[in-house]
Every structure is written in C-alpha cells, then in structure tokens.
Amino acid sequence: MTFGLRLPDQFRLEGIPVASVVHSARSFDRRADMRLSIDRPAVLRTDDQAYEIRVDDLTRNGCRITADVDLEVDTVVTLGFAGVGQSRAQIVRREELGDAFVYGCYFEQPLPSGAVTASTRNNIGRLTDEGEMIEAFSPAEVKLGARHRMLLIMGISGALWAAIAGGAFIFLLV
C-alpha cells in the first residue's frame, strides 16, 4: 500500500516492516542539547503554593522532575533552581511512580548558555529555621590550575626518576 509518497532509492528500507520504522522514529531522542543528570533539590511553584521537588535531569529546553504533588499535563509552573534561577515551564509528560510523580517539563524560554553547567556546581545550601546556612552537599573538590598540575606532574616524575637512578646506583655498587 502506498500513500502517495515515493522515497528515493537511497532512503528505501527494504525488508524492514513499516511499524518498526515508525516505532524507531518515535523512540528516537529528539533533544538537540545534552541532557545532564543533576539530582538536585529545587522549588516548584503553582499559582497558589510552593513545593520542594527533585530535579533528575536538565537541558537548556526542559527538565525531568520528581515531586509529591499531583499535577496535570499542560499545567504551567515556575521552577526555581540553585545556580540557575527561576524559569516558567509547562508540564508535557506525567508518570506515576509509587507515591511520587515524575514530570517532563518544557521551558517557555531556553535557559541561558552555561546555566545547565552552573546547576551542577556545589552552590546549594539549606537555611535552617534560625536563618543559618548549612551545606546541603559535600564541599566541592579542589581543582588545581594548569600550571600547578604541570608542576605536580613534573615533581612526581622527577621523584620517580631519582628513585630509579638511586636504585640503579645501588645495584651497580653491589
């Protein structure tokens, strides 16, 4: 059966059922931006209430969140992320997962360049009832600059060569 569409020979899929091709096309991940798994706390605001949620993964155009609140698809919410700020989003997918709900959200405006990376930094803390700031996550690892890394590598290499030379010298004396 044809539908009035004739594909050029280089695009023909001989011997593959049409249903398989359609299924593959539907299951293909159409995201243009990289999806980053961040597993961070955030705040979801509806018109009348705010809820603490978890952001499972994030792209510039949307995110996947887990929440205890039951919302409908097409609901517009405001999401607040540490390191990113607030962004309005529409819920485009909803799955029930035990007592929680997993939502796919699409941002009204893409996040600014670098916002996804900023969300992964250790910049999240939690305020206590007394207004004190406590760390919600372990401190960030110390990353040495390029010059210090090179000096460290050269120092370790020099120490290893000195040990080899010392061992060879002792071997020759014996």
N, C-alpha and C. Protein backbone atom coordinates (compact mmCIF):
# COMPACT_ATOMS: atom_id res chain seq x y z
N MET A 1 0.85 -1.17 0.00
CA MET A 1 0.00 0.00 0.00
C MET A 1 0.90 1.24 0.00
N THR A 2 0.59 2.19 -0.84
CA THR A 2 1.38 3.43 -0.87
C THR A 2 0.48 4.58 -0.46
N PHE A 3 1.10 5.63 0.04
CA PHE A 3 0.37 6.81 0.49
C PHE A 3 0.70 8.01 -0.37
N GLY A 4 1.12 7.77 -1.59
CA GLY A 4 1.43 8.88 -2.49
C GLY A 4 2.82 9.44 -2.27
N LEU A 5 3.64 8.77 -1.47
CA LEU A 5 4.98 9.24 -1.19
C LEU A 5 5.96 8.23 -1.74
N ARG A 6 6.84 8.69 -2.60
CA ARG A 6 7.85 7.81 -3.18
C ARG A 6 9.22 8.29 -2.72
N LEU A 7 9.90 7.44 -1.96
CA LEU A 7 11.22 7.78 -1.46
C LEU A 7 12.28 7.47 -2.51
N PRO A 8 13.33 8.27 -2.59
CA PRO A 8 14.44 7.93 -3.46
C PRO A 8 15.05 6.60 -3.03
N ASP A 9 15.72 5.90 -3.95
CA ASP A 9 16.26 4.58 -3.67
C ASP A 9 17.19 4.54 -2.45
N GLN A 10 17.99 5.61 -2.23
CA GLN A 10 18.93 5.57 -1.11
C GLN A 10 18.22 5.65 0.25
N PHE A 11 16.93 6.00 0.27
CA PHE A 11 16.20 6.08 1.53
C PHE A 11 15.23 4.92 1.73
N ARG A 12 15.20 3.99 0.83
CA ARG A 12 14.27 2.86 0.95
C ARG A 12 14.77 1.89 2.02
N LEU A 13 13.86 1.35 2.76
CA LEU A 13 14.19 0.39 3.80
C LEU A 13 13.59 -0.96 3.40
N GLU A 14 14.31 -1.66 2.57
CA GLU A 14 13.82 -2.93 2.05
C GLU A 14 13.86 -3.99 3.14
N GLY A 15 12.78 -4.74 3.28
CA GLY A 15 12.72 -5.85 4.21
C GLY A 15 12.46 -5.45 5.66
N ILE A 16 12.31 -4.16 5.95
CA ILE A 16 12.02 -3.72 7.31
C ILE A 16 10.56 -3.33 7.37
N PRO A 17 9.78 -3.92 8.30
CA PRO A 17 8.37 -3.57 8.40
C PRO A 17 8.19 -2.10 8.74
N VAL A 18 7.16 -1.49 8.15
CA VAL A 18 6.90 -0.08 8.38
C VAL A 18 6.67 0.20 9.86
N ALA A 19 6.01 -0.70 10.58
CA ALA A 19 5.76 -0.49 12.00
C ALA A 19 7.06 -0.35 12.78
N SER A 20 8.10 -1.09 12.40
CA SER A 20 9.40 -0.98 13.08
C SER A 20 10.01 0.39 12.85
N VAL A 21 9.88 0.90 11.65
CA VAL A 21 10.45 2.21 11.33
C VAL A 21 9.72 3.29 12.10
N VAL A 22 8.40 3.21 12.17
CA VAL A 22 7.62 4.21 12.89
C VAL A 22 7.97 4.16 14.37
N HIS A 23 8.07 2.94 14.95
CA HIS A 23 8.41 2.82 16.36
C HIS A 23 9.79 3.41 16.62
N SER A 24 10.77 3.13 15.76
CA SER A 24 12.12 3.65 15.94
C SER A 24 12.12 5.17 15.87
N ALA A 25 11.34 5.73 14.98
CA ALA A 25 11.28 7.18 14.85
C ALA A 25 10.66 7.80 16.10
N ARG A 26 9.65 7.15 16.69
CA ARG A 26 9.03 7.68 17.90
C ARG A 26 9.95 7.57 19.10
N SER A 27 10.74 6.51 19.18
CA SER A 27 11.59 6.30 20.35
C SER A 27 12.91 7.07 20.24
N PHE A 28 13.19 7.67 19.11
CA PHE A 28 14.42 8.43 18.92
C PHE A 28 14.39 9.67 19.80
N ASP A 29 15.47 9.94 20.51
CA ASP A 29 15.56 11.10 21.40
C ASP A 29 15.84 12.33 20.55
N ARG A 30 14.87 13.23 20.46
CA ARG A 30 14.97 14.38 19.57
C ARG A 30 15.61 15.60 20.23
N ARG A 31 16.19 15.45 21.41
CA ARG A 31 16.79 16.60 22.09
C ARG A 31 18.02 17.06 21.32
N ALA A 32 18.13 18.37 21.14
CA ALA A 32 19.30 18.92 20.46
C ALA A 32 20.42 19.17 21.48
N ASP A 33 20.04 19.44 22.74
CA ASP A 33 21.03 19.73 23.77
C ASP A 33 21.28 18.50 24.61
N MET A 34 22.45 18.48 25.23
CA MET A 34 22.83 17.37 26.09
C MET A 34 21.97 17.38 27.36
N ARG A 35 21.49 16.21 27.76
CA ARG A 35 20.73 16.08 28.99
C ARG A 35 21.71 15.73 30.09
N LEU A 36 21.70 16.51 31.18
CA LEU A 36 22.65 16.34 32.27
C LEU A 36 21.91 15.87 33.52
N SER A 37 22.31 14.75 34.06
CA SER A 37 21.71 14.24 35.29
C SER A 37 22.28 15.02 36.46
N ILE A 38 21.40 15.74 37.21
CA ILE A 38 21.91 16.58 38.30
C ILE A 38 21.40 16.15 39.67
N ASP A 39 20.23 15.55 39.77
CA ASP A 39 19.68 15.06 41.03
C ASP A 39 19.85 16.09 42.15
N ARG A 40 19.22 17.24 41.98
CA ARG A 40 19.33 18.34 42.93
C ARG A 40 17.94 18.78 43.41
N PRO A 41 17.88 19.35 44.63
CA PRO A 41 16.60 19.89 45.10
C PRO A 41 16.28 21.19 44.35
N ALA A 42 14.99 21.47 44.25
CA ALA A 42 14.52 22.71 43.62
C ALA A 42 13.15 23.03 44.20
N VAL A 43 12.58 24.11 43.72
CA VAL A 43 11.26 24.53 44.18
C VAL A 43 10.34 24.65 42.97
N LEU A 44 9.14 24.06 43.09
CA LEU A 44 8.11 24.17 42.06
C LEU A 44 7.01 25.04 42.63
N ARG A 45 6.63 26.06 41.88
CA ARG A 45 5.55 26.97 42.32
C ARG A 45 4.39 26.89 41.33
N THR A 46 3.21 26.69 41.90
CA THR A 46 1.99 26.81 41.10
C THR A 46 1.41 28.18 41.43
N ASP A 47 0.19 28.46 40.97
CA ASP A 47 -0.41 29.76 41.25
C ASP A 47 -0.61 30.02 42.74
N ASP A 48 -0.83 28.94 43.50
CA ASP A 48 -1.19 29.14 44.91
C ASP A 48 -0.26 28.51 45.94
N GLN A 49 0.75 27.74 45.53
CA GLN A 49 1.56 27.03 46.50
C GLN A 49 2.96 26.72 45.96
N ALA A 50 3.90 26.48 46.90
CA ALA A 50 5.27 26.10 46.54
C ALA A 50 5.55 24.72 47.11
N TYR A 51 6.31 23.91 46.35
CA TYR A 51 6.63 22.54 46.74
C TYR A 51 8.12 22.29 46.55
N GLU A 52 8.72 21.53 47.47
CA GLU A 52 10.09 21.08 47.28
C GLU A 52 10.06 19.86 46.37
N ILE A 53 10.94 19.87 45.37
CA ILE A 53 11.00 18.79 44.38
C ILE A 53 12.44 18.36 44.18
N ARG A 54 12.65 17.37 43.35
CA ARG A 54 13.98 16.93 42.93
C ARG A 54 14.07 17.09 41.42
N VAL A 55 15.14 17.70 40.94
CA VAL A 55 15.39 17.79 39.51
C VAL A 55 16.29 16.61 39.15
N ASP A 56 15.76 15.70 38.34
CA ASP A 56 16.51 14.50 37.97
C ASP A 56 17.52 14.79 36.87
N ASP A 57 17.06 15.45 35.81
CA ASP A 57 17.98 15.84 34.75
C ASP A 57 17.53 17.16 34.15
N LEU A 58 18.45 17.80 33.45
CA LEU A 58 18.23 19.17 32.98
C LEU A 58 18.88 19.38 31.63
N THR A 59 18.17 20.08 30.74
CA THR A 59 18.73 20.58 29.49
C THR A 59 18.39 22.05 29.42
N ARG A 60 18.86 22.72 28.40
CA ARG A 60 18.50 24.14 28.25
C ARG A 60 17.03 24.32 27.95
N ASN A 61 16.37 23.30 27.38
CA ASN A 61 14.98 23.44 26.97
C ASN A 61 13.97 22.79 27.91
N GLY A 62 14.43 22.01 28.88
CA GLY A 62 13.49 21.36 29.76
C GLY A 62 14.17 20.54 30.84
N CYS A 63 13.36 19.82 31.60
CA CYS A 63 13.91 19.02 32.68
C CYS A 63 12.95 17.89 33.04
N ARG A 64 13.48 16.95 33.82
CA ARG A 64 12.65 15.89 34.39
C ARG A 64 12.71 16.07 35.89
N ILE A 65 11.54 16.12 36.55
CA ILE A 65 11.48 16.36 37.98
C ILE A 65 10.68 15.25 38.66
N THR A 66 10.93 15.07 39.95
CA THR A 66 10.15 14.15 40.77
C THR A 66 9.55 14.97 41.90
N ALA A 67 8.24 14.81 42.11
CA ALA A 67 7.54 15.58 43.13
C ALA A 67 6.47 14.74 43.80
N ASP A 68 6.05 15.18 44.99
CA ASP A 68 4.97 14.51 45.70
C ASP A 68 3.60 15.05 45.32
N VAL A 69 3.58 16.16 44.60
CA VAL A 69 2.32 16.81 44.24
C VAL A 69 1.80 16.25 42.91
N ASP A 70 0.50 16.09 42.82
CA ASP A 70 -0.15 15.56 41.61
C ASP A 70 -0.62 16.73 40.75
N LEU A 71 0.02 16.89 39.59
CA LEU A 71 -0.32 17.97 38.65
C LEU A 71 -0.72 17.36 37.32
N GLU A 72 -1.49 18.08 36.56
CA GLU A 72 -1.95 17.61 35.25
C GLU A 72 -0.99 18.06 34.15
N VAL A 73 -0.98 17.32 33.06
CA VAL A 73 -0.22 17.70 31.87
C VAL A 73 -0.79 19.03 31.38
N ASP A 74 0.05 19.89 30.84
CA ASP A 74 -0.24 21.23 30.34
C ASP A 74 -0.32 22.29 31.44
N THR A 75 -0.10 21.91 32.71
CA THR A 75 -0.05 22.89 33.79
C THR A 75 1.22 23.72 33.64
N VAL A 76 1.10 25.04 33.79
CA VAL A 76 2.27 25.92 33.73
C VAL A 76 2.72 26.18 35.16
N VAL A 77 4.01 25.96 35.41
CA VAL A 77 4.59 26.11 36.74
C VAL A 77 5.83 26.99 36.64
N THR A 78 6.32 27.43 37.79
CA THR A 78 7.60 28.13 37.86
C THR A 78 8.55 27.25 38.65
N LEU A 79 9.72 26.98 38.08
CA LEU A 79 10.72 26.14 38.72
C LEU A 79 11.88 27.01 39.16
N GLY A 80 12.33 26.83 40.39
CA GLY A 80 13.47 27.57 40.92
C GLY A 80 14.63 26.64 41.16
N PHE A 81 15.77 26.90 40.49
CA PHE A 81 16.97 26.07 40.58
C PHE A 81 18.10 26.88 41.18
N ALA A 82 18.84 26.29 42.11
CA ALA A 82 20.05 26.94 42.62
C ALA A 82 21.07 27.02 41.49
N GLY A 83 21.67 28.17 41.33
CA GLY A 83 22.68 28.35 40.29
C GLY A 83 22.09 28.73 38.95
N VAL A 84 20.77 28.63 38.81
CA VAL A 84 20.12 28.92 37.54
C VAL A 84 19.13 30.06 37.69
N GLY A 85 18.34 30.01 38.73
CA GLY A 85 17.27 31.00 38.94
C GLY A 85 15.93 30.38 38.67
N GLN A 86 14.94 31.22 38.35
CA GLN A 86 13.59 30.73 38.10
C GLN A 86 13.31 30.67 36.61
N SER A 87 12.48 29.71 36.24
CA SER A 87 12.08 29.56 34.85
C SER A 87 10.67 29.01 34.79
N ARG A 88 9.85 29.59 33.94
CA ARG A 88 8.48 29.08 33.75
C ARG A 88 8.53 27.91 32.79
N ALA A 89 7.73 26.90 33.11
CA ALA A 89 7.74 25.68 32.31
C ALA A 89 6.34 25.10 32.23
N GLN A 90 6.11 24.33 31.19
CA GLN A 90 4.84 23.63 31.01
C GLN A 90 5.11 22.14 31.20
N ILE A 91 4.24 21.49 31.95
CA ILE A 91 4.36 20.05 32.14
C ILE A 91 3.87 19.37 30.87
N VAL A 92 4.73 18.57 30.25
CA VAL A 92 4.38 17.92 28.99
C VAL A 92 4.27 16.40 29.12
N ARG A 93 4.73 15.87 30.27
CA ARG A 93 4.65 14.44 30.48
C ARG A 93 4.47 14.18 31.96
N ARG A 94 3.68 13.15 32.31
CA ARG A 94 3.41 12.81 33.71
C ARG A 94 3.41 11.30 33.87
N GLU A 95 4.17 10.81 34.86
CA GLU A 95 4.19 9.38 35.18
C GLU A 95 4.02 9.23 36.68
N GLU A 96 3.25 8.24 37.08
CA GLU A 96 3.09 7.95 38.49
C GLU A 96 4.14 6.93 38.89
N LEU A 97 4.83 7.20 40.00
CA LEU A 97 5.91 6.33 40.46
C LEU A 97 5.71 6.10 41.97
N GLY A 98 4.84 5.13 42.32
CA GLY A 98 4.52 4.89 43.73
C GLY A 98 3.75 6.07 44.29
N ASP A 99 4.31 6.67 45.37
CA ASP A 99 3.68 7.84 45.99
C ASP A 99 4.10 9.15 45.32
N ALA A 100 5.07 9.09 44.44
CA ALA A 100 5.60 10.30 43.79
C ALA A 100 5.16 10.35 42.33
N PHE A 101 5.41 11.49 41.72
CA PHE A 101 5.10 11.70 40.31
C PHE A 101 6.35 12.21 39.61
N VAL A 102 6.58 11.71 38.40
CA VAL A 102 7.71 12.15 37.59
C VAL A 102 7.14 12.95 36.43
N TYR A 103 7.65 14.16 36.25
CA TYR A 103 7.14 15.07 35.22
C TYR A 103 8.24 15.42 34.23
N GLY A 104 7.85 15.56 32.99
CA GLY A 104 8.71 16.15 31.98
C GLY A 104 8.24 17.57 31.77
N CYS A 105 9.13 18.53 31.87
CA CYS A 105 8.78 19.94 31.76
C CYS A 105 9.52 20.58 30.59
N TYR A 106 8.83 21.47 29.89
CA TYR A 106 9.41 22.20 28.77
C TYR A 106 9.42 23.69 29.13
N PHE A 107 10.61 24.32 29.10
CA PHE A 107 10.73 25.72 29.48
C PHE A 107 10.13 26.63 28.41
N GLU A 108 9.47 27.70 28.87
CA GLU A 108 8.93 28.69 27.93
C GLU A 108 10.05 29.37 27.16
N GLN A 109 11.14 29.67 27.84
CA GLN A 109 12.34 30.24 27.22
C GLN A 109 13.51 29.32 27.55
N PRO A 110 14.37 29.00 26.59
CA PRO A 110 15.54 28.16 26.92
C PRO A 110 16.39 28.83 27.99
N LEU A 111 17.02 28.01 28.81
CA LEU A 111 17.92 28.54 29.83
C LEU A 111 19.10 29.22 29.16
N PRO A 112 19.69 30.23 29.81
CA PRO A 112 20.85 30.89 29.23
C PRO A 112 22.02 29.92 29.08
N SER A 113 22.90 30.24 28.17
CA SER A 113 24.09 29.43 27.95
C SER A 113 24.88 29.34 29.26
N GLY A 114 25.29 28.15 29.63
CA GLY A 114 26.05 27.95 30.86
C GLY A 114 25.19 27.67 32.09
N ALA A 115 23.89 27.81 31.98
CA ALA A 115 23.01 27.60 33.13
C ALA A 115 22.97 26.14 33.56
N VAL A 116 22.99 25.23 32.61
CA VAL A 116 22.95 23.81 32.97
C VAL A 116 24.21 23.44 33.72
N THR A 117 25.35 23.92 33.26
CA THR A 117 26.61 23.66 33.96
C THR A 117 26.60 24.30 35.34
N ALA A 118 26.05 25.51 35.45
CA ALA A 118 26.00 26.20 36.74
C ALA A 118 25.16 25.43 37.74
N SER A 119 24.18 24.69 37.28
CA SER A 119 23.31 23.94 38.19
C SER A 119 24.02 22.76 38.83
N THR A 120 25.15 22.34 38.28
CA THR A 120 25.86 21.18 38.81
C THR A 120 26.90 21.57 39.85
N ARG A 121 27.20 22.82 39.99
CA ARG A 121 28.21 23.24 40.95
C ARG A 121 27.69 23.09 42.36
N ASN A 122 28.61 23.02 43.32
CA ASN A 122 28.22 22.91 44.72
C ASN A 122 27.85 24.28 45.26
N ASN A 123 26.74 24.78 44.82
CA ASN A 123 26.30 26.11 45.23
C ASN A 123 24.96 26.04 45.96
N ILE A 124 24.65 24.89 46.50
CA ILE A 124 23.35 24.72 47.12
C ILE A 124 23.53 24.57 48.61
N GLY A 125 22.78 25.33 49.36
CA GLY A 125 22.76 25.21 50.81
C GLY A 125 21.32 25.26 51.28
N ARG A 126 21.10 24.95 52.52
CA ARG A 126 19.75 24.96 53.06
C ARG A 126 19.75 25.88 54.28
N LEU A 127 18.73 26.72 54.37
CA LEU A 127 18.60 27.61 55.51
C LEU A 127 17.87 26.88 56.63
N THR A 128 18.37 27.03 57.85
CA THR A 128 17.68 26.46 59.00
C THR A 128 16.60 27.44 59.44
N ASP A 129 15.81 27.03 60.41
CA ASP A 129 14.76 27.92 60.92
C ASP A 129 15.33 29.18 61.55
N GLU A 130 16.59 29.09 62.04
CA GLU A 130 17.22 30.25 62.66
C GLU A 130 17.89 31.16 61.62
N GLY A 131 17.84 30.81 60.35
CA GLY A 131 18.43 31.61 59.31
C GLY A 131 19.89 31.29 59.04
N GLU A 132 20.42 30.24 59.67
CA GLU A 132 21.80 29.84 59.43
C GLU A 132 21.88 29.01 58.16
N MET A 133 22.96 29.18 57.44
CA MET A 133 23.17 28.42 56.22
C MET A 133 23.98 27.17 56.53
N ILE A 134 23.48 26.02 56.12
CA ILE A 134 24.24 24.78 56.25
C ILE A 134 24.42 24.19 54.87
N GLU A 135 25.50 23.42 54.70
CA GLU A 135 25.75 22.82 53.39
C GLU A 135 24.81 21.66 53.16
N ALA A 136 24.19 21.62 51.99
CA ALA A 136 23.31 20.52 51.65
C ALA A 136 24.09 19.40 50.97
N PHE A 137 25.25 19.74 50.43
CA PHE A 137 26.08 18.77 49.72
C PHE A 137 27.51 18.90 50.21
N SER A 138 28.31 17.92 49.94
CA SER A 138 29.72 17.96 50.34
C SER A 138 30.43 19.09 49.62
N PRO A 139 31.50 19.62 50.21
CA PRO A 139 32.22 20.71 49.56
C PRO A 139 32.80 20.28 48.22
N ALA A 140 32.93 21.24 47.34
CA ALA A 140 33.48 20.95 46.01
C ALA A 140 34.94 20.52 46.14
N GLU A 141 35.35 19.64 45.23
CA GLU A 141 36.74 19.22 45.22
C GLU A 141 37.61 20.38 44.77
N VAL A 142 38.83 20.41 45.31
CA VAL A 142 39.77 21.45 44.93
C VAL A 142 40.37 21.06 43.59
N LYS A 143 40.29 21.95 42.63
CA LYS A 143 40.86 21.68 41.32
C LYS A 143 42.05 22.61 41.13
N LEU A 144 43.19 22.01 40.87
CA LEU A 144 44.40 22.79 40.66
C LEU A 144 44.39 23.42 39.28
N GLY A 145 45.03 24.57 39.18
CA GLY A 145 45.17 25.22 37.89
C GLY A 145 46.14 24.46 37.00
N ALA A 146 46.19 24.80 35.73
CA ALA A 146 47.03 24.09 34.76
C ALA A 146 48.51 24.15 35.15
N ARG A 147 48.99 25.30 35.60
CA ARG A 147 50.40 25.46 35.98
C ARG A 147 50.73 24.55 37.17
N HIS A 148 49.85 24.53 38.17
CA HIS A 148 50.10 23.71 39.35
C HIS A 148 50.02 22.21 39.03
N ARG A 149 49.11 21.84 38.15
CA ARG A 149 49.03 20.43 37.74
C ARG A 149 50.31 20.02 37.03
N MET A 150 50.83 20.87 36.15
CA MET A 150 52.05 20.57 35.42
C MET A 150 53.23 20.46 36.37
N LEU A 151 53.33 21.37 37.35
CA LEU A 151 54.41 21.30 38.33
C LEU A 151 54.31 20.03 39.17
N LEU A 152 53.11 19.63 39.53
CA LEU A 152 52.91 18.41 40.30
C LEU A 152 53.34 17.18 39.49
N ILE A 153 52.97 17.15 38.22
CA ILE A 153 53.36 16.02 37.36
C ILE A 153 54.88 15.98 37.20
N MET A 154 55.48 17.15 36.97
CA MET A 154 56.93 17.19 36.82
C MET A 154 57.63 16.78 38.12
N GLY A 155 57.12 17.19 39.26
CA GLY A 155 57.72 16.83 40.54
C GLY A 155 57.63 15.33 40.80
N ILE A 156 56.46 14.75 40.54
CA ILE A 156 56.31 13.30 40.73
C ILE A 156 57.21 12.55 39.76
N SER A 157 57.26 12.99 38.51
CA SER A 157 58.13 12.34 37.52
C SER A 157 59.59 12.43 37.94
N GLY A 158 60.03 13.61 38.41
CA GLY A 158 61.41 13.78 38.86
C GLY A 158 61.73 12.86 40.04
N ALA A 159 60.77 12.75 40.98
CA ALA A 159 60.99 11.88 42.14
C ALA A 159 61.10 10.42 41.70
N LEU A 160 60.29 9.99 40.76
CA LEU A 160 60.36 8.61 40.27
C LEU A 160 61.68 8.35 39.56
N TRP A 161 62.14 9.30 38.71
CA TRP A 161 63.42 9.12 38.03
C TRP A 161 64.57 9.10 39.03
N ALA A 162 64.48 9.90 40.08
CA ALA A 162 65.51 9.90 41.12
C ALA A 162 65.54 8.56 41.84
N ALA A 163 64.36 7.97 42.09
CA ALA A 163 64.30 6.66 42.74
C ALA A 163 64.89 5.59 41.84
N ILE A 164 64.59 5.66 40.54
CA ILE A 164 65.14 4.69 39.59
C ILE A 164 66.66 4.83 39.52
N ALA A 165 67.15 6.07 39.45
CA ALA A 165 68.59 6.31 39.38
C ALA A 165 69.27 5.84 40.66
N GLY A 166 68.65 6.09 41.81
CA GLY A 166 69.21 5.65 43.09
C GLY A 166 69.26 4.13 43.17
N GLY A 167 68.21 3.46 42.71
CA GLY A 167 68.18 2.00 42.70
C GLY A 167 69.24 1.44 41.77
N ALA A 168 69.42 2.06 40.61
CA ALA A 168 70.44 1.61 39.66
C ALA A 168 71.84 1.81 40.25
N PHE A 169 72.06 2.93 40.93
CA PHE A 169 73.36 3.21 41.55
C PHE A 169 73.68 2.18 42.62
N ILE A 170 72.68 1.85 43.45
CA ILE A 170 72.88 0.85 44.50
C ILE A 170 73.13 -0.52 43.87
N PHE A 171 72.42 -0.84 42.79
CA PHE A 171 72.61 -2.12 42.10
C PHE A 171 74.02 -2.23 41.55
N LEU A 172 74.57 -1.13 41.02
CA LEU A 172 75.93 -1.14 40.46
C LEU A 172 76.99 -1.27 41.55
N LEU A 173 76.71 -0.74 42.72
CA LEU A 173 77.68 -0.83 43.82
C LEU A 173 77.73 -2.22 44.42
N VAL A 174 76.68 -2.96 44.33
CA VAL A 174 76.64 -4.28 44.95
C VAL A 174 77.23 -5.30 44.07
